[in-house]
């Protein structure tokens, strides 16, 4: 269907009756009477906090090579904290990223290794934490270049082809869904969603926003929604991630206004824990785990969110606090751990 046939900010979606899978053991989409699905927290900053190497060009991919036991432990702790979805450590395992370290030929192997670690952690934790048995593994698909440099995003078929290779590998390795995350431009988001479609698993799309209500790359949420519709692409969930918590409320309102009242995808957010301070620069932890959890829980109630979590700077403690707030409300007590 030509793009001109779509009214502004309105698209036709396959109804998201669930956002995980249709097998009997799957977690179903939260209804208004139940808590949202809970994503895990940060991988990169948490791996670094535990001593894993974290520098360019491989960043979090270093841990797959040098510290796999730390990766496995982080996945397991997020599951013990109550996460419903754990995310693979594949933010930097595209061949393009690995090529900068002479490891392009290891892309498939490292991606499969990352998936195996997440699945293995689920099996391990499920033995003592029954909730983990139903947890799902999300295969992370990141921007091909620096996620905070929209100007570096590829604008040709290379983006589609590279994301398609990643999606295929993740699905073949056994993920339950594909999470395209930290996208800052419409064109690469469209390429990634197109590449991830057709593999028989749900596709979630998470984008970075900025304080003027637009995507980090400067485009509007309306442009994103309309472009998905123009390309006849459906996503099972639309999320805002790796964005300052203080501006997420406005962004969610903007996003919601661009979606139809019926048949829209699930909506969610997993902000980072920091903020930019004009006097001291970026603060990794601008709040406490309990305050963060309470604010995210408030957002979930205000906007009717289906999925919530936390991004850079968070730890399993932040996930545990979110679990408490989602299950028991704002009366949840703070945990003194970091």
C-alpha atoms as a PDB file:
ATOM      1  CA  UNK A   1       0.000   0.000   0.000  1.00  0.00           C
ATOM      2  CA  UNK A   2       1.431   3.428  -0.872  1.00  0.00           C
ATOM      3  CA  UNK A   3       2.438   5.683   1.990  1.00  0.00           C
ATOM      4  CA  UNK A   4      -0.035   8.354   0.932  1.00  0.00           C
ATOM      5  CA  UNK A   5      -2.920   6.041   1.797  1.00  0.00           C
ATOM      6  CA  UNK A   6      -2.095   6.179   5.498  1.00  0.00           C
ATOM      7  CA  UNK A   7      -3.523   9.030   7.604  1.00  0.00           C
ATOM      8  CA  UNK A   8      -0.974  10.872   9.757  1.00  0.00           C
ATOM      9  CA  UNK A   9       0.018   9.091  12.954  1.00  0.00           C
ATOM     10  CA  UNK A  10      -2.312   6.164  12.313  1.00  0.00           C
ATOM     11  CA  UNK A  11      -1.341   2.701  11.179  1.00  0.00           C
ATOM     12  CA  UNK A  12      -2.932  -0.697  10.952  1.00  0.00           C
ATOM     13  CA  UNK A  13      -1.300  -3.244  13.237  1.00  0.00           C
ATOM     14  CA  UNK A  14      -1.727  -6.934  13.787  1.00  0.00           C
ATOM     15  CA  UNK A  15      -3.333  -6.967  17.216  1.00  0.00           C
ATOM     16  CA  UNK A  16      -0.798  -7.745  19.911  1.00  0.00           C
ATOM     17  CA  UNK A  17      -2.838 -10.282  21.844  1.00  0.00           C
ATOM     18  CA  UNK A  18       0.478 -11.381  23.282  1.00  0.00           C
ATOM     19  CA  UNK A  19       4.014 -10.122  22.978  1.00  0.00           C
ATOM     20  CA  UNK A  20       5.996 -13.280  23.562  1.00  0.00           C
ATOM     21  CA  UNK A  21       4.725 -16.465  21.948  1.00  0.00           C
ATOM     22  CA  UNK A  22       1.629 -18.617  21.717  1.00  0.00           C
ATOM     23  CA  UNK A  23       2.954 -21.774  23.356  1.00  0.00           C
ATOM     24  CA  UNK A  24       1.195 -22.800  26.602  1.00  0.00           C
ATOM     25  CA  UNK A  25       4.192 -21.961  28.793  1.00  0.00           C
ATOM     26  CA  UNK A  26       4.596 -18.409  27.499  1.00  0.00           C
ATOM     27  CA  UNK A  27       3.956 -15.309  29.532  1.00  0.00           C
ATOM     28  CA  UNK A  28       0.921 -13.554  28.095  1.00  0.00           C
ATOM     29  CA  UNK A  29       0.624  -9.827  27.604  1.00  0.00           C
ATOM     30  CA  UNK A  30      -0.262  -8.132  30.884  1.00  0.00           C
ATOM     31  CA  UNK A  31      -3.859  -7.017  31.155  1.00  0.00           C
ATOM     32  CA  UNK A  32      -4.979  -3.980  33.113  1.00  0.00           C
ATOM     33  CA  UNK A  33      -5.376  -6.146  36.189  1.00  0.00           C
ATOM     34  CA  UNK A  34      -1.859  -7.577  36.095  1.00  0.00           C
ATOM     35  CA  UNK A  35       1.680  -6.239  36.263  1.00  0.00           C
ATOM     36  CA  UNK A  36       3.535  -5.337  33.067  1.00  0.00           C
ATOM     37  CA  UNK A  37       6.193  -7.691  31.799  1.00  0.00           C
ATOM     38  CA  UNK A  38       9.523  -6.927  33.457  1.00  0.00           C
ATOM     39  CA  UNK A  39      12.645  -6.697  31.329  1.00  0.00           C
ATOM     40  CA  UNK A  40      16.062  -7.265  32.848  1.00  0.00           C
ATOM     41  CA  UNK A  41      18.499  -4.394  33.383  1.00  0.00           C
ATOM     42  CA  UNK A  42      21.796  -3.213  31.991  1.00  0.00           C
ATOM     43  CA  UNK A  43      24.366  -5.625  30.624  1.00  0.00           C
ATOM     44  CA  UNK A  44      27.265  -3.422  29.529  1.00  0.00           C
ATOM     45  CA  UNK A  45      27.550  -1.256  32.626  1.00  0.00           C
ATOM     46  CA  UNK A  46      26.874  -4.218  34.902  1.00  0.00           C
ATOM     47  CA  UNK A  47      29.563  -6.324  33.230  1.00  0.00           C
ATOM     48  CA  UNK A  48      31.979  -3.428  33.658  1.00  0.00           C
ATOM     49  CA  UNK A  49      30.988  -2.991  37.314  1.00  0.00           C
ATOM     50  CA  UNK A  50      31.907  -6.636  37.883  1.00  0.00           C
ATOM     51  CA  UNK A  51      35.323  -6.233  36.313  1.00  0.00           C
ATOM     52  CA  UNK A  52      34.775  -7.246  32.694  1.00  0.00           C
ATOM     53  CA  UNK A  53      36.718  -5.398  30.038  1.00  0.00           C
ATOM     54  CA  UNK A  54      34.648  -2.647  28.457  1.00  0.00           C
ATOM     55  CA  UNK A  55      36.429  -0.602  25.798  1.00  0.00           C
ATOM     56  CA  UNK A  56      36.239   0.099  22.086  1.00  0.00           C
ATOM     57  CA  UNK A  57      35.673  -1.424  19.653  1.00  0.00           C
ATOM     58  CA  UNK A  58      34.060  -4.526  21.158  1.00  0.00           C
ATOM     59  CA  UNK A  59      32.624  -3.083  24.361  1.00  0.00           C
ATOM     60  CA  UNK A  60      30.330  -5.715  25.923  1.00  0.00           C
ATOM     61  CA  UNK A  61      31.383  -8.361  23.386  1.00  0.00           C
ATOM     62  CA  UNK A  62      34.738  -8.605  25.176  1.00  0.00           C
ATOM     63  CA  UNK A  63      33.013 -10.476  27.993  1.00  0.00           C
ATOM     64  CA  UNK A  64      31.830 -13.231  25.647  1.00  0.00           C
ATOM     65  CA  UNK A  65      35.481 -13.936  24.928  1.00  0.00           C
ATOM     66  CA  UNK A  66      37.254 -13.086  28.173  1.00  0.00           C
ATOM     67  CA  UNK A  67      34.664 -13.410  30.936  1.00  0.00           C
ATOM     68  CA  UNK A  68      31.766 -15.685  29.930  1.00  0.00           C
ATOM     69  CA  UNK A  69      31.189 -16.665  33.543  1.00  0.00           C
ATOM     70  CA  UNK A  70      30.384 -13.041  34.407  1.00  0.00           C
ATOM     71  CA  UNK A  71      27.860 -12.840  31.563  1.00  0.00           C
ATOM     72  CA  UNK A  72      26.153 -16.007  32.783  1.00  0.00           C
ATOM     73  CA  UNK A  73      26.087 -14.743  36.371  1.00  0.00           C
ATOM     74  CA  UNK A  74      24.511 -11.430  35.353  1.00  0.00           C
ATOM     75  CA  UNK A  75      21.742 -13.193  33.415  1.00  0.00           C
ATOM     76  CA  UNK A  76      21.095 -15.496  36.370  1.00  0.00           C
ATOM     77  CA  UNK A  77      20.911 -12.656  38.870  1.00  0.00           C
ATOM     78  CA  UNK A  78      18.412 -10.736  36.761  1.00  0.00           C
ATOM     79  CA  UNK A  79      16.242 -13.834  36.615  1.00  0.00           C
ATOM     80  CA  UNK A  80      16.486 -14.312  40.378  1.00  0.00           C
ATOM     81  CA  UNK A  81      15.506 -10.661  40.761  1.00  0.00           C
ATOM     82  CA  UNK A  82      12.248 -11.401  38.960  1.00  0.00           C
ATOM     83  CA  UNK A  83      12.856 -10.474  35.324  1.00  0.00           C
ATOM     84  CA  UNK A  84      10.338 -11.939  32.887  1.00  0.00           C
ATOM     85  CA  UNK A  85      12.627 -11.315  29.913  1.00  0.00           C
ATOM     86  CA  UNK A  86      16.423 -11.542  29.728  1.00  0.00           C
ATOM     87  CA  UNK A  87      18.355  -9.939  26.895  1.00  0.00           C
ATOM     88  CA  UNK A  88      21.276 -11.544  25.081  1.00  0.00           C
ATOM     89  CA  UNK A  89      24.719  -9.944  25.230  1.00  0.00           C
ATOM     90  CA  UNK A  90      24.727  -9.265  21.486  1.00  0.00           C
ATOM     91  CA  UNK A  91      24.750  -5.475  21.415  1.00  0.00           C
ATOM     92  CA  UNK A  92      28.138  -5.553  19.684  1.00  0.00           C
ATOM     93  CA  UNK A  93      28.292  -8.889  17.863  1.00  0.00           C
ATOM     94  CA  UNK A  94      27.420  -7.734  14.353  1.00  0.00           C
ATOM     95  CA  UNK A  95      30.276  -8.643  12.002  1.00  0.00           C
ATOM     96  CA  UNK A  96      30.754  -4.912  11.349  1.00  0.00           C
ATOM     97  CA  UNK A  97      31.531  -4.277  15.019  1.00  0.00           C
ATOM     98  CA  UNK A  98      33.793  -7.292  15.415  1.00  0.00           C
ATOM     99  CA  UNK A  99      35.707  -6.456  12.222  1.00  0.00           C
ATOM    100  CA  UNK A 100      37.271  -3.485  13.983  1.00  0.00           C
ATOM    101  CA  UNK A 101      39.092  -6.010  16.176  1.00  0.00           C
ATOM    102  CA  UNK A 102      39.828  -8.476  13.383  1.00  0.00           C
ATOM    103  CA  UNK A 103      37.061 -10.840  14.512  1.00  0.00           C
ATOM    104  CA  UNK A 104      34.412 -10.443  11.799  1.00  0.00           C
ATOM    105  CA  UNK A 105      34.535 -14.177  11.139  1.00  0.00           C
ATOM    106  CA  UNK A 106      33.516 -14.880  14.742  1.00  0.00           C
ATOM    107  CA  UNK A 107      30.213 -12.996  14.593  1.00  0.00           C
ATOM    108  CA  UNK A 108      27.968 -16.034  14.299  1.00  0.00           C
ATOM    109  CA  UNK A 109      29.890 -18.019  16.907  1.00  0.00           C
ATOM    110  CA  UNK A 110      29.828 -15.210  19.471  1.00  0.00           C
ATOM    111  CA  UNK A 111      26.166 -14.456  18.845  1.00  0.00           C
ATOM    112  CA  UNK A 112      25.247 -18.105  19.341  1.00  0.00           C
ATOM    113  CA  UNK A 113      27.411 -18.219  22.466  1.00  0.00           C
ATOM    114  CA  UNK A 114      25.560 -15.220  23.883  1.00  0.00           C
ATOM    115  CA  UNK A 115      22.181 -16.853  23.282  1.00  0.00           C
ATOM    116  CA  UNK A 116      23.352 -20.101  24.865  1.00  0.00           C
ATOM    117  CA  UNK A 117      24.461 -18.214  27.981  1.00  0.00           C
ATOM    118  CA  UNK A 118      21.062 -16.589  28.429  1.00  0.00           C
ATOM    119  CA  UNK A 119      19.206 -19.852  27.844  1.00  0.00           C
ATOM    120  CA  UNK A 120      21.581 -21.679  30.179  1.00  0.00           C
ATOM    121  CA  UNK A 121      20.984 -19.126  32.917  1.00  0.00           C
ATOM    122  CA  UNK A 122      17.241 -19.627  32.568  1.00  0.00           C
ATOM    123  CA  UNK A 123      17.598 -23.389  32.955  1.00  0.00           C
ATOM    124  CA  UNK A 124      19.871 -22.959  35.968  1.00  0.00           C
ATOM    125  CA  UNK A 125      17.675 -20.458  37.808  1.00  0.00           C
ATOM    126  CA  UNK A 126      14.404 -22.247  37.018  1.00  0.00           C
ATOM    127  CA  UNK A 127      15.551 -25.123  39.215  1.00  0.00           C
ATOM    128  CA  UNK A 128      15.136 -22.943  42.313  1.00  0.00           C
ATOM    129  CA  UNK A 129      12.968 -20.051  41.080  1.00  0.00           C
ATOM    130  CA  UNK A 130       9.853 -21.393  39.311  1.00  0.00           C
ATOM    131  CA  UNK A 131       9.050 -17.997  37.781  1.00  0.00           C
ATOM    132  CA  UNK A 132      12.216 -18.214  35.680  1.00  0.00           C
ATOM    133  CA  UNK A 133      10.874 -21.248  33.827  1.00  0.00           C
ATOM    134  CA  UNK A 134       8.446 -18.990  31.964  1.00  0.00           C
ATOM    135  CA  UNK A 135      11.011 -16.236  31.329  1.00  0.00           C
ATOM    136  CA  UNK A 136      11.824 -15.477  27.743  1.00  0.00           C
ATOM    137  CA  UNK A 137      15.125 -14.746  26.025  1.00  0.00           C
ATOM    138  CA  UNK A 138      15.194 -11.622  23.862  1.00  0.00           C
ATOM    139  CA  UNK A 139      17.779 -11.483  21.105  1.00  0.00           C
ATOM    140  CA  UNK A 140      19.241  -7.973  21.147  1.00  0.00           C
ATOM    141  CA  UNK A 141      19.807  -6.222  17.817  1.00  0.00           C
ATOM    142  CA  UNK A 142      21.604  -2.892  18.150  1.00  0.00           C
ATOM    143  CA  UNK A 143      22.407  -0.037  15.766  1.00  0.00           C
ATOM    144  CA  UNK A 144      25.301  -0.900  13.488  1.00  0.00           C
ATOM    145  CA  UNK A 145      27.285   2.148  14.580  1.00  0.00           C
ATOM    146  CA  UNK A 146      27.407   4.267  17.744  1.00  0.00           C
ATOM    147  CA  UNK A 147      23.864   4.344  19.100  1.00  0.00           C
ATOM    148  CA  UNK A 148      24.309   7.948  20.249  1.00  0.00           C
ATOM    149  CA  UNK A 149      25.649   9.137  16.892  1.00  0.00           C
ATOM    150  CA  UNK A 150      22.632   9.061  14.579  1.00  0.00           C
ATOM    151  CA  UNK A 151      24.702  10.658  11.827  1.00  0.00           C
ATOM    152  CA  UNK A 152      26.788   7.473  11.583  1.00  0.00           C
ATOM    153  CA  UNK A 153      23.813   5.203  10.934  1.00  0.00           C
ATOM    154  CA  UNK A 154      24.054   3.329   7.591  1.00  0.00           C
ATOM    155  CA  UNK A 155      21.481   4.449   5.038  1.00  0.00           C
ATOM    156  CA  UNK A 156      21.627   1.699   2.437  1.00  0.00           C
ATOM    157  CA  UNK A 157      20.915  -2.003   1.954  1.00  0.00           C
ATOM    158  CA  UNK A 158      23.923  -2.820   4.115  1.00  0.00           C
ATOM    159  CA  UNK A 159      21.814  -2.065   7.176  1.00  0.00           C
ATOM    160  CA  UNK A 160      19.063  -4.463   6.088  1.00  0.00           C
ATOM    161  CA  UNK A 161      21.481  -7.237   5.157  1.00  0.00           C
ATOM    162  CA  UNK A 162      23.540  -6.993   8.342  1.00  0.00           C
ATOM    163  CA  UNK A 163      20.485  -6.884  10.592  1.00  0.00           C
ATOM    164  CA  UNK A 164      18.956  -9.825   8.699  1.00  0.00           C
ATOM    165  CA  UNK A 165      22.079 -11.895   9.310  1.00  0.00           C
ATOM    166  CA  UNK A 166      21.948 -11.071  13.009  1.00  0.00           C
ATOM    167  CA  UNK A 167      18.222 -11.818  13.282  1.00  0.00           C
ATOM    168  CA  UNK A 168      18.597 -15.156  11.538  1.00  0.00           C
ATOM    169  CA  UNK A 169      21.466 -16.209  13.791  1.00  0.00           C
ATOM    170  CA  UNK A 170      19.602 -15.201  16.945  1.00  0.00           C
ATOM    171  CA  UNK A 171      16.464 -17.097  15.954  1.00  0.00           C
ATOM    172  CA  UNK A 172      18.384 -20.184  14.882  1.00  0.00           C
ATOM    173  CA  UNK A 173      20.218 -20.099  18.222  1.00  0.00           C
ATOM    174  CA  UNK A 174      16.907 -20.233  20.079  1.00  0.00           C
ATOM    175  CA  UNK A 175      15.738 -16.783  21.195  1.00  0.00           C
ATOM    176  CA  UNK A 176      12.047 -16.336  21.924  1.00  0.00           C
ATOM    177  CA  UNK A 177      11.768 -12.826  20.500  1.00  0.00           C
ATOM    178  CA  UNK A 178      13.861 -10.183  18.762  1.00  0.00           C
ATOM    179  CA  UNK A 179      14.495  -6.882  20.546  1.00  0.00           C
ATOM    180  CA  UNK A 180      15.691  -4.154  18.191  1.00  0.00           C
ATOM    181  CA  UNK A 181      16.923  -1.586  20.667  1.00  0.00           C
ATOM    182  CA  UNK A 182      18.476   1.842  21.125  1.00  0.00           C
ATOM    183  CA  UNK A 183      17.546   2.946  17.626  1.00  0.00           C
ATOM    184  CA  UNK A 184      17.806   6.694  17.045  1.00  0.00           C
ATOM    185  CA  UNK A 185      16.869   7.047  13.355  1.00  0.00           C
ATOM    186  CA  UNK A 186      13.774   6.011  11.479  1.00  0.00           C
ATOM    187  CA  UNK A 187      15.594   4.600   8.447  1.00  0.00           C
ATOM    188  CA  UNK A 188      17.739   2.150  10.398  1.00  0.00           C
ATOM    189  CA  UNK A 189      14.805   1.196  12.616  1.00  0.00           C
ATOM    190  CA  UNK A 190      12.778   0.369   9.506  1.00  0.00           C
ATOM    191  CA  UNK A 191      15.668  -1.622   8.023  1.00  0.00           C
ATOM    192  CA  UNK A 192      16.062  -3.607  11.239  1.00  0.00           C
ATOM    193  CA  UNK A 193      12.342  -4.324  11.669  1.00  0.00           C
ATOM    194  CA  UNK A 194      12.071  -5.379   8.037  1.00  0.00           C
ATOM    195  CA  UNK A 195      15.098  -7.633   8.442  1.00  0.00           C
ATOM    196  CA  UNK A 196      13.744  -9.184  11.640  1.00  0.00           C
ATOM    197  CA  UNK A 197      10.278  -9.880  10.281  1.00  0.00           C
ATOM    198  CA  UNK A 198       9.308 -13.261   8.910  1.00  0.00           C
ATOM    199  CA  UNK A 199      11.234 -15.470  11.332  1.00  0.00           C
ATOM    200  CA  UNK A 200       8.167 -16.526  13.300  1.00  0.00           C
ATOM    201  CA  UNK A 201       9.048 -14.777  16.556  1.00  0.00           C
ATOM    202  CA  UNK A 202       7.727 -11.514  18.026  1.00  0.00           C
ATOM    203  CA  UNK A 203       9.604  -8.331  17.145  1.00  0.00           C
ATOM    204  CA  UNK A 204       9.979  -5.490  19.637  1.00  0.00           C
ATOM    205  CA  UNK A 205      11.362  -2.081  18.681  1.00  0.00           C
ATOM    206  CA  UNK A 206      12.935   0.285  21.229  1.00  0.00           C
ATOM    207  CA  UNK A 207      14.055   3.806  20.371  1.00  0.00           C
ATOM    208  CA  UNK A 208      15.969   6.589  22.128  1.00  0.00           C
ATOM    209  CA  UNK A 209      14.167   9.871  22.695  1.00  0.00           C
ATOM    210  CA  UNK A 210      15.253  13.385  23.561  1.00  0.00           C
ATOM    211  CA  UNK A 211      13.784  16.187  25.653  1.00  0.00           C
ATOM    212  CA  UNK A 212      11.993  17.938  22.793  1.00  0.00           C
ATOM    213  CA  UNK A 213       9.755  14.923  22.225  1.00  0.00           C
ATOM    214  CA  UNK A 214      11.592  13.570  19.185  1.00  0.00           C
ATOM    215  CA  UNK A 215      13.839  10.612  18.464  1.00  0.00           C
ATOM    216  CA  UNK A 216      17.512  11.181  19.192  1.00  0.00           C
ATOM    217  CA  UNK A 217      18.125  11.620  15.461  1.00  0.00           C
ATOM    218  CA  UNK A 218      15.615  14.485  15.325  1.00  0.00           C
ATOM    219  CA  UNK A 219      12.688  12.756  13.640  1.00  0.00           C
ATOM    220  CA  UNK A 220       9.233  12.622  15.180  1.00  0.00           C
ATOM    221  CA  UNK A 221       7.491   9.613  16.646  1.00  0.00           C
ATOM    222  CA  UNK A 222       4.781  10.225  14.069  1.00  0.00           C
ATOM    223  CA  UNK A 223       7.382   9.763  11.332  1.00  0.00           C
ATOM    224  CA  UNK A 224       8.418   6.443  12.866  1.00  0.00           C
ATOM    225  CA  UNK A 225       4.861   5.145  13.156  1.00  0.00           C
ATOM    226  CA  UNK A 226       3.920   6.328   9.680  1.00  0.00           C
ATOM    227  CA  UNK A 227       7.052   4.802   8.160  1.00  0.00           C
ATOM    228  CA  UNK A 228       6.308   1.431   9.735  1.00  0.00           C
ATOM    229  CA  UNK A 229       2.819   1.619   8.272  1.00  0.00           C
ATOM    230  CA  UNK A 230       4.030   2.749   4.854  1.00  0.00           C
ATOM    231  CA  UNK A 231       6.349  -0.265   4.708  1.00  0.00           C
ATOM    232  CA  UNK A 232       3.529  -2.524   5.957  1.00  0.00           C
ATOM    233  CA  UNK A 233       5.612  -3.569   8.945  1.00  0.00           C
ATOM    234  CA  UNK A 234       4.127  -4.757  12.228  1.00  0.00           C
ATOM    235  CA  UNK A 235       5.893  -4.792  15.571  1.00  0.00           C
ATOM    236  CA  UNK A 236       4.584  -6.525  18.669  1.00  0.00           C
ATOM    237  CA  UNK A 237       5.885  -3.817  20.985  1.00  0.00           C
ATOM    238  CA  UNK A 238       7.148  -0.238  20.786  1.00  0.00           C
ATOM    239  CA  UNK A 239       9.385   0.940  23.610  1.00  0.00           C
ATOM    240  CA  UNK A 240      11.491   3.912  24.669  1.00  0.00           C
ATOM    241  CA  UNK A 241      14.884   2.904  26.022  1.00  0.00           C
ATOM    242  CA  UNK A 242      18.229   4.284  27.176  1.00  0.00           C
ATOM    243  CA  UNK A 243      16.581   7.655  27.741  1.00  0.00           C
ATOM    244  CA  UNK A 244      16.608   9.895  30.818  1.00  0.00           C
ATOM    245  CA  UNK A 245      13.758   8.912  33.124  1.00  0.00           C
ATOM    246  CA  UNK A 246      12.663  12.507  33.638  1.00  0.00           C
ATOM    247  CA  UNK A 247      11.605  12.956  30.006  1.00  0.00           C
ATOM    248  CA  UNK A 248      10.001   9.554  29.436  1.00  0.00           C
ATOM    249  CA  UNK A 249       6.550  10.676  30.580  1.00  0.00           C
ATOM    250  CA  UNK A 250       6.339  13.246  27.780  1.00  0.00           C
ATOM    251  CA  UNK A 251       7.750  10.821  25.226  1.00  0.00           C
ATOM    252  CA  UNK A 252       5.244   8.114  26.117  1.00  0.00           C
ATOM    253  CA  UNK A 253       2.393  10.594  25.742  1.00  0.00           C
ATOM    254  CA  UNK A 254       3.741  11.597  22.348  1.00  0.00           C
ATOM    255  CA  UNK A 255       4.112   7.991  21.242  1.00  0.00           C
ATOM    256  CA  UNK A 256       0.679   6.976  22.484  1.00  0.00           C
ATOM    257  CA  UNK A 257      -0.922   9.865  20.605  1.00  0.00           C
ATOM    258  CA  UNK A 258       0.514   8.491  17.361  1.00  0.00           C
ATOM    259  CA  UNK A 259      -1.116   5.080  17.753  1.00  0.00           C
ATOM    260  CA  UNK A 260      -4.668   3.940  17.066  1.00  0.00           C
ATOM    261  CA  UNK A 261      -6.943   3.245  20.020  1.00  0.00           C
ATOM    262  CA  UNK A 262      -7.494  -0.321  18.818  1.00  0.00           C
ATOM    263  CA  UNK A 263      -4.969  -2.811  17.510  1.00  0.00           C
ATOM    264  CA  UNK A 264      -1.864  -0.918  18.607  1.00  0.00           C
ATOM    265  CA  UNK A 265       1.296  -2.745  19.649  1.00  0.00           C
ATOM    266  CA  UNK A 266       2.265  -3.153  23.281  1.00  0.00           C
ATOM    267  CA  UNK A 267       3.940  -0.071  24.760  1.00  0.00           C
ATOM    268  CA  UNK A 268       6.785   0.115  27.252  1.00  0.00           C
ATOM    269  CA  UNK A 269       9.958   1.736  28.472  1.00  0.00           C
ATOM    270  CA  UNK A 270      13.318   0.884  30.014  1.00  0.00           C
ATOM    271  CA  UNK A 271      15.138   4.141  30.785  1.00  0.00           C
ATOM    272  CA  UNK A 272      18.743   4.471  31.879  1.00  0.00           C
ATOM    273  CA  UNK A 273      19.477   5.491  35.464  1.00  0.00           C
ATOM    274  CA  UNK A 274      21.362   8.732  34.827  1.00  0.00           C
ATOM    275  CA  UNK A 275      20.878  12.294  33.713  1.00  0.00           C
ATOM    276  CA  UNK A 276      22.863  15.124  32.218  1.00  0.00           C
ATOM    277  CA  UNK A 277      23.754  17.775  34.777  1.00  0.00           C
ATOM    278  CA  UNK A 278      24.897  21.140  33.367  1.00  0.00           C
ATOM    279  CA  UNK A 279      27.349  21.592  36.235  1.00  0.00           C
ATOM    280  CA  UNK A 280      28.892  18.141  36.702  1.00  0.00           C
ATOM    281  CA  UNK A 281      28.160  16.409  33.392  1.00  0.00           C
ATOM    282  CA  UNK A 282      26.523  13.003  33.061  1.00  0.00           C
ATOM    283  CA  UNK A 283      25.582  11.272  36.304  1.00  0.00           C
ATOM    284  CA  UNK A 284      25.308   7.493  35.963  1.00  0.00           C
ATOM    285  CA  UNK A 285      23.011   7.219  38.972  1.00  0.00           C
ATOM    286  CA  UNK A 286      20.739  10.240  39.258  1.00  0.00           C
ATOM    287  CA  UNK A 287      18.370   8.448  41.613  1.00  0.00           C
ATOM    288  CA  UNK A 288      18.161   5.376  43.846  1.00  0.00           C
ATOM    289  CA  UNK A 289      16.855   1.945  42.870  1.00  0.00           C
ATOM    290  CA  UNK A 290      13.669   2.351  44.900  1.00  0.00           C
ATOM    291  CA  UNK A 291      12.912   5.857  43.617  1.00  0.00           C
ATOM    292  CA  UNK A 292      13.579   4.729  40.053  1.00  0.00           C
ATOM    293  CA  UNK A 293      11.279   1.740  40.529  1.00  0.00           C
ATOM    294  CA  UNK A 294       8.516   3.895  41.970  1.00  0.00           C
ATOM    295  CA  UNK A 295       8.734   6.367  39.095  1.00  0.00           C
ATOM    296  CA  UNK A 296       8.685   3.623  36.463  1.00  0.00           C
ATOM    297  CA  UNK A 297       5.739   1.984  38.237  1.00  0.00           C
ATOM    298  CA  UNK A 298       3.925   5.325  38.154  1.00  0.00           C
ATOM    299  CA  UNK A 299       4.613   5.578  34.421  1.00  0.00           C
ATOM    300  CA  UNK A 300       3.258   2.066  33.947  1.00  0.00           C
ATOM    301  CA  UNK A 301       0.027   2.997  35.677  1.00  0.00           C
ATOM    302  CA  UNK A 302      -0.338   6.407  34.036  1.00  0.00           C
ATOM    303  CA  UNK A 303       0.296   5.200  30.501  1.00  0.00           C
ATOM    304  CA  UNK A 304      -1.012   1.645  30.758  1.00  0.00           C
ATOM    305  CA  UNK A 305       2.385   0.183  29.935  1.00  0.00           C
ATOM    306  CA  UNK A 306       2.752  -3.459  28.984  1.00  0.00           C
ATOM    307  CA  UNK A 307       6.535  -3.753  29.387  1.00  0.00           C
ATOM    308  CA  UNK A 308       8.980  -1.989  31.714  1.00  0.00           C
ATOM    309  CA  UNK A 309      12.602  -2.373  32.724  1.00  0.00           C
ATOM    310  CA  UNK A 310      15.845  -0.468  33.157  1.00  0.00           C
ATOM    311  CA  UNK A 311      18.823   0.268  30.949  1.00  0.00           C
ATOM    312  CA  UNK A 312      22.386   1.523  31.430  1.00  0.00           C
ATOM    313  CA  UNK A 313      23.514   1.964  35.013  1.00  0.00           C
ATOM    314  CA  UNK A 314      21.046  -0.481  36.531  1.00  0.00           C
ATOM    315  CA  UNK A 315      21.878  -3.709  38.341  1.00  0.00           C
ATOM    316  CA  UNK A 316      19.856  -6.731  39.498  1.00  0.00           C
ATOM    317  CA  UNK A 317      18.961  -4.702  42.597  1.00  0.00           C
ATOM    318  CA  UNK A 318      17.130  -2.186  40.401  1.00  0.00           C
ATOM    319  CA  UNK A 319      15.262  -5.056  38.741  1.00  0.00           C
ATOM    320  CA  UNK A 320      14.335  -6.505  42.127  1.00  0.00           C
ATOM    321  CA  UNK A 321      12.971  -3.135  43.236  1.00  0.00           C
ATOM    322  CA  UNK A 322      10.940  -2.889  40.050  1.00  0.00           C
ATOM    323  CA  UNK A 323       9.564  -6.370  40.695  1.00  0.00           C
ATOM    324  CA  UNK A 324       8.524  -5.325  44.201  1.00  0.00           C
ATOM    325  CA  UNK A 325       6.880  -2.102  43.063  1.00  0.00           C
ATOM    326  CA  UNK A 326       5.041  -3.772  40.211  1.00  0.00           C
ATOM    327  CA  UNK A 327       3.788  -6.561  42.445  1.00  0.00           C
ATOM    328  CA  UNK A 328       3.107  -4.636  45.651  1.00  0.00           C
ATOM    329  CA  UNK A 329       2.890  -0.961  44.727  1.00  0.00           C
ATOM    330  CA  UNK A 330       4.812   2.035  46.046  1.00  0.00           C
ATOM    331  CA  UNK A 331       4.939   0.540  49.545  1.00  0.00           C
ATOM    332  CA  UNK A 332       7.905  -1.593  48.470  1.00  0.00           C
ATOM    333  CA  UNK A 333      10.829  -1.061  50.811  1.00  0.00           C
ATOM    334  CA  UNK A 334      14.262   0.035  49.595  1.00  0.00           C
ATOM    335  CA  UNK A 335      17.140  -2.389  49.280  1.00  0.00           C
ATOM    336  CA  UNK A 336      20.394  -0.983  50.612  1.00  0.00           C
ATOM    337  CA  UNK A 337      22.506  -2.873  48.056  1.00  0.00           C
ATOM    338  CA  UNK A 338      23.698  -1.125  44.904  1.00  0.00           C
END
